[in-house]
Amino acid sequence: MTEGVIEFESTKDKLLAETSTARWHDLQRFFAQGALLRVDQSLDLLDVAVLFAEDKADELEPLLDGLKVSQPPNDLARSWYQENPLLWTVVVAPYVLVQYQRDIQAK
C-alpha cells in the first residue's frame, strides 16, 4: 500500500466511502444540468452506483427502462424544492445518483 493512499477491495467499498447526504437545494443544479438521477427506494443505491461505475449497461437497461433509475420528474423536483429533503448521494461521473429515504429526514 502506498503511504497516504487508501486502497479499496472493491468498487462498492470505494463508492461506500464516497457516499454522503445532501439537501436538495445543494443538488438542484445537477438536476438542471441533467446530471442527477434518482434511484428508486426499492434498490440499493450502492449496487446501482457499481453498475454505473463498472459500465454494466446490460444490467442498467431494465432499471432505466422501468424508471427505477431516472431523472426526477419535474413535479417531484418541485416538491423536493419546497421540502428540501436530505438525500443519500454518490457521484459516479458524469452523474450524481440520489435516493430519498424516510429514515434520514428527521436529522
N, C-alpha and C. Protein backbone atom coordinates (compact mmCIF):
# COMPACT_ATOMS: atom_id res chain seq x y z
N MET A 1 0.84 -1.18 0.00
CA MET A 1 0.00 0.00 0.00
C MET A 1 0.89 1.24 0.00
N THR A 2 0.54 2.18 -0.87
CA THR A 2 1.26 3.44 -0.94
C THR A 2 0.85 4.31 0.22
N GLU A 3 1.82 4.94 0.87
CA GLU A 3 1.53 5.77 2.03
C GLU A 3 0.63 6.93 1.65
N GLY A 4 -0.44 7.14 2.43
CA GLY A 4 -1.37 8.23 2.19
C GLY A 4 -2.44 7.91 1.16
N VAL A 5 -2.38 6.76 0.53
CA VAL A 5 -3.38 6.37 -0.46
C VAL A 5 -4.20 5.22 0.10
N ILE A 6 -5.49 5.40 0.08
CA ILE A 6 -6.39 4.36 0.57
C ILE A 6 -6.73 3.45 -0.59
N GLU A 7 -6.51 2.16 -0.39
CA GLU A 7 -6.86 1.19 -1.42
C GLU A 7 -8.12 0.45 -0.96
N PHE A 8 -9.00 0.22 -1.90
CA PHE A 8 -10.27 -0.44 -1.59
C PHE A 8 -10.29 -1.80 -2.25
N GLU A 9 -10.95 -2.74 -1.60
CA GLU A 9 -11.02 -4.10 -2.11
C GLU A 9 -11.99 -4.24 -3.28
N SER A 10 -12.97 -3.34 -3.34
CA SER A 10 -13.95 -3.44 -4.41
C SER A 10 -14.45 -2.05 -4.79
N THR A 11 -15.09 -1.99 -5.94
CA THR A 11 -15.71 -0.73 -6.38
C THR A 11 -16.76 -0.30 -5.37
N LYS A 12 -17.51 -1.26 -4.85
CA LYS A 12 -18.56 -0.93 -3.88
C LYS A 12 -17.96 -0.32 -2.62
N ASP A 13 -16.85 -0.84 -2.15
CA ASP A 13 -16.18 -0.27 -0.97
C ASP A 13 -15.75 1.17 -1.23
N LYS A 14 -15.21 1.41 -2.41
CA LYS A 14 -14.78 2.77 -2.78
C LYS A 14 -15.97 3.72 -2.81
N LEU A 15 -17.06 3.29 -3.44
CA LEU A 15 -18.24 4.13 -3.53
C LEU A 15 -18.89 4.34 -2.17
N LEU A 16 -18.85 3.34 -1.31
CA LEU A 16 -19.38 3.49 0.04
C LEU A 16 -18.64 4.61 0.77
N ALA A 17 -17.34 4.68 0.59
CA ALA A 17 -16.54 5.72 1.23
C ALA A 17 -16.88 7.11 0.68
N GLU A 18 -17.43 7.15 -0.52
CA GLU A 18 -17.75 8.42 -1.17
C GLU A 18 -19.22 8.80 -1.04
N THR A 19 -20.02 7.96 -0.41
CA THR A 19 -21.44 8.22 -0.24
C THR A 19 -21.64 9.23 0.88
N SER A 20 -22.61 10.12 0.66
CA SER A 20 -22.88 11.17 1.63
C SER A 20 -24.36 11.53 1.56
N THR A 21 -24.75 12.47 2.39
CA THR A 21 -26.09 13.04 2.30
C THR A 21 -25.97 14.50 1.91
N ALA A 22 -27.00 14.98 1.22
CA ALA A 22 -27.03 16.40 0.83
C ALA A 22 -28.48 16.83 0.71
N ARG A 23 -28.72 18.09 0.94
CA ARG A 23 -30.05 18.66 0.79
C ARG A 23 -30.32 18.94 -0.69
N TRP A 24 -31.60 18.86 -1.06
CA TRP A 24 -31.98 19.08 -2.45
C TRP A 24 -31.49 20.43 -2.98
N HIS A 25 -31.56 21.47 -2.18
CA HIS A 25 -31.12 22.79 -2.65
C HIS A 25 -29.66 22.77 -3.09
N ASP A 26 -28.85 21.91 -2.49
CA ASP A 26 -27.44 21.80 -2.87
C ASP A 26 -27.26 20.95 -4.13
N LEU A 27 -28.29 20.20 -4.49
CA LEU A 27 -28.20 19.27 -5.62
C LEU A 27 -28.95 19.73 -6.86
N GLN A 28 -29.82 20.71 -6.72
CA GLN A 28 -30.70 21.06 -7.82
C GLN A 28 -29.97 21.54 -9.07
N ARG A 29 -28.76 22.07 -8.94
CA ARG A 29 -28.02 22.49 -10.14
C ARG A 29 -27.65 21.28 -11.00
N PHE A 30 -27.41 20.13 -10.36
CA PHE A 30 -27.12 18.92 -11.13
C PHE A 30 -28.38 18.44 -11.86
N PHE A 31 -29.54 18.61 -11.20
CA PHE A 31 -30.81 18.30 -11.85
C PHE A 31 -30.98 19.19 -13.08
N ALA A 32 -30.72 20.48 -12.94
CA ALA A 32 -30.87 21.42 -14.05
C ALA A 32 -29.93 21.08 -15.20
N GLN A 33 -28.78 20.50 -14.89
CA GLN A 33 -27.80 20.11 -15.92
C GLN A 33 -28.12 18.75 -16.54
N GLY A 34 -29.12 18.05 -16.00
CA GLY A 34 -29.46 16.72 -16.49
C GLY A 34 -28.51 15.64 -16.00
N ALA A 35 -27.76 15.95 -14.94
CA ALA A 35 -26.74 15.02 -14.44
C ALA A 35 -27.16 14.30 -13.16
N LEU A 36 -28.39 14.52 -12.71
CA LEU A 36 -28.85 13.91 -11.47
C LEU A 36 -29.84 12.80 -11.79
N LEU A 37 -29.62 11.64 -11.20
CA LEU A 37 -30.51 10.50 -11.39
C LEU A 37 -31.03 10.03 -10.03
N ARG A 38 -32.34 9.80 -9.99
CA ARG A 38 -32.99 9.31 -8.79
C ARG A 38 -33.01 7.78 -8.83
N VAL A 39 -32.63 7.17 -7.74
CA VAL A 39 -32.65 5.71 -7.62
C VAL A 39 -33.83 5.34 -6.73
N ASP A 40 -34.71 4.50 -7.25
CA ASP A 40 -35.90 4.07 -6.53
C ASP A 40 -35.52 3.48 -5.17
N GLN A 41 -36.39 3.69 -4.19
CA GLN A 41 -36.14 3.20 -2.83
C GLN A 41 -36.09 1.68 -2.75
N SER A 42 -36.63 1.01 -3.74
CA SER A 42 -36.61 -0.46 -3.72
C SER A 42 -35.24 -1.03 -4.10
N LEU A 43 -34.34 -0.16 -4.56
CA LEU A 43 -33.00 -0.59 -4.98
C LEU A 43 -31.96 -0.13 -3.97
N ASP A 44 -30.83 -0.80 -3.96
CA ASP A 44 -29.69 -0.39 -3.14
C ASP A 44 -28.89 0.65 -3.93
N LEU A 45 -28.75 1.84 -3.36
CA LEU A 45 -28.05 2.93 -4.04
C LEU A 45 -26.65 2.52 -4.47
N LEU A 46 -25.93 1.84 -3.60
CA LEU A 46 -24.56 1.45 -3.92
C LEU A 46 -24.50 0.39 -5.02
N ASP A 47 -25.44 -0.53 -5.02
CA ASP A 47 -25.46 -1.54 -6.08
C ASP A 47 -25.67 -0.88 -7.44
N VAL A 48 -26.55 0.10 -7.50
CA VAL A 48 -26.79 0.82 -8.75
C VAL A 48 -25.55 1.62 -9.13
N ALA A 49 -24.92 2.26 -8.16
CA ALA A 49 -23.70 3.03 -8.45
C ALA A 49 -22.61 2.14 -9.01
N VAL A 50 -22.49 0.93 -8.49
CA VAL A 50 -21.49 -0.02 -9.01
C VAL A 50 -21.79 -0.34 -10.47
N LEU A 51 -23.06 -0.51 -10.82
CA LEU A 51 -23.41 -0.80 -12.21
C LEU A 51 -22.96 0.33 -13.13
N PHE A 52 -23.14 1.56 -12.70
CA PHE A 52 -22.66 2.71 -13.49
C PHE A 52 -21.14 2.72 -13.55
N ALA A 53 -20.49 2.57 -12.40
CA ALA A 53 -19.03 2.65 -12.34
C ALA A 53 -18.36 1.57 -13.17
N GLU A 54 -18.98 0.40 -13.22
CA GLU A 54 -18.39 -0.72 -13.96
C GLU A 54 -19.00 -0.86 -15.36
N ASP A 55 -19.77 0.16 -15.77
CA ASP A 55 -20.35 0.24 -17.11
C ASP A 55 -21.12 -1.03 -17.49
N LYS A 56 -21.99 -1.46 -16.60
CA LYS A 56 -22.77 -2.68 -16.82
C LYS A 56 -24.11 -2.32 -17.46
N ALA A 57 -24.03 -1.88 -18.71
CA ALA A 57 -25.19 -1.38 -19.44
C ALA A 57 -26.31 -2.41 -19.53
N ASP A 58 -25.96 -3.67 -19.70
CA ASP A 58 -26.98 -4.71 -19.82
C ASP A 58 -27.81 -4.86 -18.54
N GLU A 59 -27.21 -4.58 -17.40
CA GLU A 59 -27.94 -4.66 -16.13
C GLU A 59 -28.65 -3.35 -15.80
N LEU A 60 -28.13 -2.24 -16.32
CA LEU A 60 -28.74 -0.94 -16.09
C LEU A 60 -29.97 -0.72 -16.97
N GLU A 61 -29.95 -1.28 -18.16
CA GLU A 61 -31.01 -1.02 -19.12
C GLU A 61 -32.42 -1.28 -18.57
N PRO A 62 -32.67 -2.45 -17.94
CA PRO A 62 -34.02 -2.66 -17.42
C PRO A 62 -34.38 -1.68 -16.28
N LEU A 63 -33.40 -1.24 -15.51
CA LEU A 63 -33.67 -0.28 -14.44
C LEU A 63 -34.03 1.08 -15.02
N LEU A 64 -33.33 1.47 -16.08
CA LEU A 64 -33.63 2.74 -16.75
C LEU A 64 -34.95 2.66 -17.49
N ASP A 65 -35.18 1.58 -18.20
CA ASP A 65 -36.44 1.41 -18.94
C ASP A 65 -37.64 1.34 -18.00
N GLY A 66 -37.45 0.73 -16.85
CA GLY A 66 -38.53 0.60 -15.87
C GLY A 66 -38.66 1.80 -14.94
N LEU A 67 -37.86 2.83 -15.20
CA LEU A 67 -37.85 4.07 -14.42
C LEU A 67 -37.49 3.86 -12.95
N LYS A 68 -36.80 2.76 -12.65
CA LYS A 68 -36.27 2.55 -11.30
C LYS A 68 -35.06 3.45 -11.06
N VAL A 69 -34.42 3.85 -12.17
CA VAL A 69 -33.34 4.84 -12.16
C VAL A 69 -33.69 5.84 -13.25
N SER A 70 -33.89 7.10 -12.86
CA SER A 70 -34.34 8.09 -13.83
C SER A 70 -34.08 9.50 -13.32
N GLN A 71 -34.19 10.44 -14.23
CA GLN A 71 -34.18 11.82 -13.79
C GLN A 71 -35.47 12.06 -13.02
N PRO A 72 -35.41 12.79 -11.93
CA PRO A 72 -36.65 13.05 -11.19
C PRO A 72 -37.62 13.83 -12.09
N PRO A 73 -38.90 13.44 -12.09
CA PRO A 73 -39.87 14.23 -12.85
C PRO A 73 -39.96 15.65 -12.28
N ASN A 74 -40.38 16.59 -13.09
CA ASN A 74 -40.44 17.99 -12.65
C ASN A 74 -41.31 18.18 -11.42
N ASP A 75 -42.42 17.45 -11.32
CA ASP A 75 -43.28 17.62 -10.15
C ASP A 75 -42.59 17.15 -8.87
N LEU A 76 -41.78 16.10 -8.96
CA LEU A 76 -41.01 15.65 -7.80
C LEU A 76 -39.92 16.68 -7.46
N ALA A 77 -39.26 17.21 -8.47
CA ALA A 77 -38.23 18.23 -8.23
C ALA A 77 -38.84 19.46 -7.55
N ARG A 78 -40.04 19.85 -7.95
CA ARG A 78 -40.72 20.98 -7.30
C ARG A 78 -41.04 20.65 -5.85
N SER A 79 -41.52 19.43 -5.61
CA SER A 79 -41.82 19.01 -4.24
C SER A 79 -40.56 19.00 -3.39
N TRP A 80 -39.48 18.46 -3.95
CA TRP A 80 -38.21 18.45 -3.21
C TRP A 80 -37.70 19.86 -2.98
N TYR A 81 -37.95 20.78 -3.91
CA TYR A 81 -37.52 22.17 -3.71
C TYR A 81 -38.25 22.75 -2.49
N GLN A 82 -39.53 22.47 -2.37
CA GLN A 82 -40.31 23.01 -1.24
C GLN A 82 -39.90 22.36 0.08
N GLU A 83 -39.66 21.05 0.05
CA GLU A 83 -39.36 20.32 1.28
C GLU A 83 -37.87 20.34 1.63
N ASN A 84 -37.02 20.50 0.62
CA ASN A 84 -35.56 20.46 0.78
C ASN A 84 -35.10 19.23 1.57
N PRO A 85 -35.50 18.02 1.13
CA PRO A 85 -35.15 16.82 1.89
C PRO A 85 -33.66 16.50 1.85
N LEU A 86 -33.26 15.72 2.81
CA LEU A 86 -31.91 15.18 2.86
C LEU A 86 -31.91 13.91 2.01
N LEU A 87 -30.99 13.80 1.06
CA LEU A 87 -30.93 12.67 0.14
C LEU A 87 -29.58 11.98 0.25
N TRP A 88 -29.59 10.65 0.14
CA TRP A 88 -28.33 9.91 0.03
C TRP A 88 -27.77 10.19 -1.35
N THR A 89 -26.49 10.43 -1.46
CA THR A 89 -25.87 10.76 -2.74
C THR A 89 -24.57 10.00 -2.93
N VAL A 90 -24.29 9.74 -4.19
CA VAL A 90 -22.98 9.22 -4.57
C VAL A 90 -22.73 9.68 -6.00
N VAL A 91 -21.52 10.11 -6.25
CA VAL A 91 -21.15 10.59 -7.59
C VAL A 91 -20.48 9.47 -8.35
N VAL A 92 -21.03 9.19 -9.53
CA VAL A 92 -20.40 8.29 -10.49
C VAL A 92 -20.41 9.08 -11.79
N ALA A 93 -19.32 9.79 -12.02
CA ALA A 93 -19.24 10.72 -13.14
C ALA A 93 -19.71 10.07 -14.42
N PRO A 94 -20.53 10.78 -15.17
CA PRO A 94 -20.92 12.19 -15.03
C PRO A 94 -22.19 12.41 -14.22
N TYR A 95 -22.62 11.41 -13.48
CA TYR A 95 -23.90 11.50 -12.76
C TYR A 95 -23.73 11.65 -11.26
N VAL A 96 -24.75 12.26 -10.68
CA VAL A 96 -24.94 12.26 -9.23
C VAL A 96 -26.18 11.41 -9.01
N LEU A 97 -26.01 10.30 -8.32
CA LEU A 97 -27.13 9.41 -8.00
C LEU A 97 -27.67 9.80 -6.63
N VAL A 98 -28.99 9.90 -6.53
CA VAL A 98 -29.60 10.28 -5.25
C VAL A 98 -30.70 9.29 -4.90
N GLN A 99 -30.96 9.19 -3.61
CA GLN A 99 -32.03 8.33 -3.15
C GLN A 99 -32.68 8.95 -1.92
N TYR A 100 -33.99 9.08 -1.99
CA TYR A 100 -34.78 9.57 -0.86
C TYR A 100 -35.03 8.41 0.09
N GLN A 101 -34.79 8.64 1.36
CA GLN A 101 -35.09 7.63 2.37
C GLN A 101 -35.72 8.33 3.58
N ARG A 102 -36.90 7.87 3.91
CA ARG A 102 -37.65 8.50 5.02
C ARG A 102 -36.88 8.53 6.33
N ASP A 103 -36.13 7.49 6.61
CA ASP A 103 -35.49 7.38 7.92
C ASP A 103 -34.42 8.43 8.19
N ILE A 104 -33.98 9.17 7.19
CA ILE A 104 -32.96 10.19 7.45
C ILE A 104 -33.56 11.59 7.47
N GLN A 105 -34.86 11.74 7.27
CA GLN A 105 -35.47 13.06 7.15
C GLN A 105 -35.55 13.82 8.47
N ALA A 106 -35.55 13.14 9.57
CA ALA A 106 -35.65 13.82 10.88
C ALA A 106 -34.32 14.42 11.31
N LYS A 107 -33.26 14.11 10.61
CA LYS A 107 -31.94 14.58 11.03
C LYS A 107 -31.70 16.02 10.65
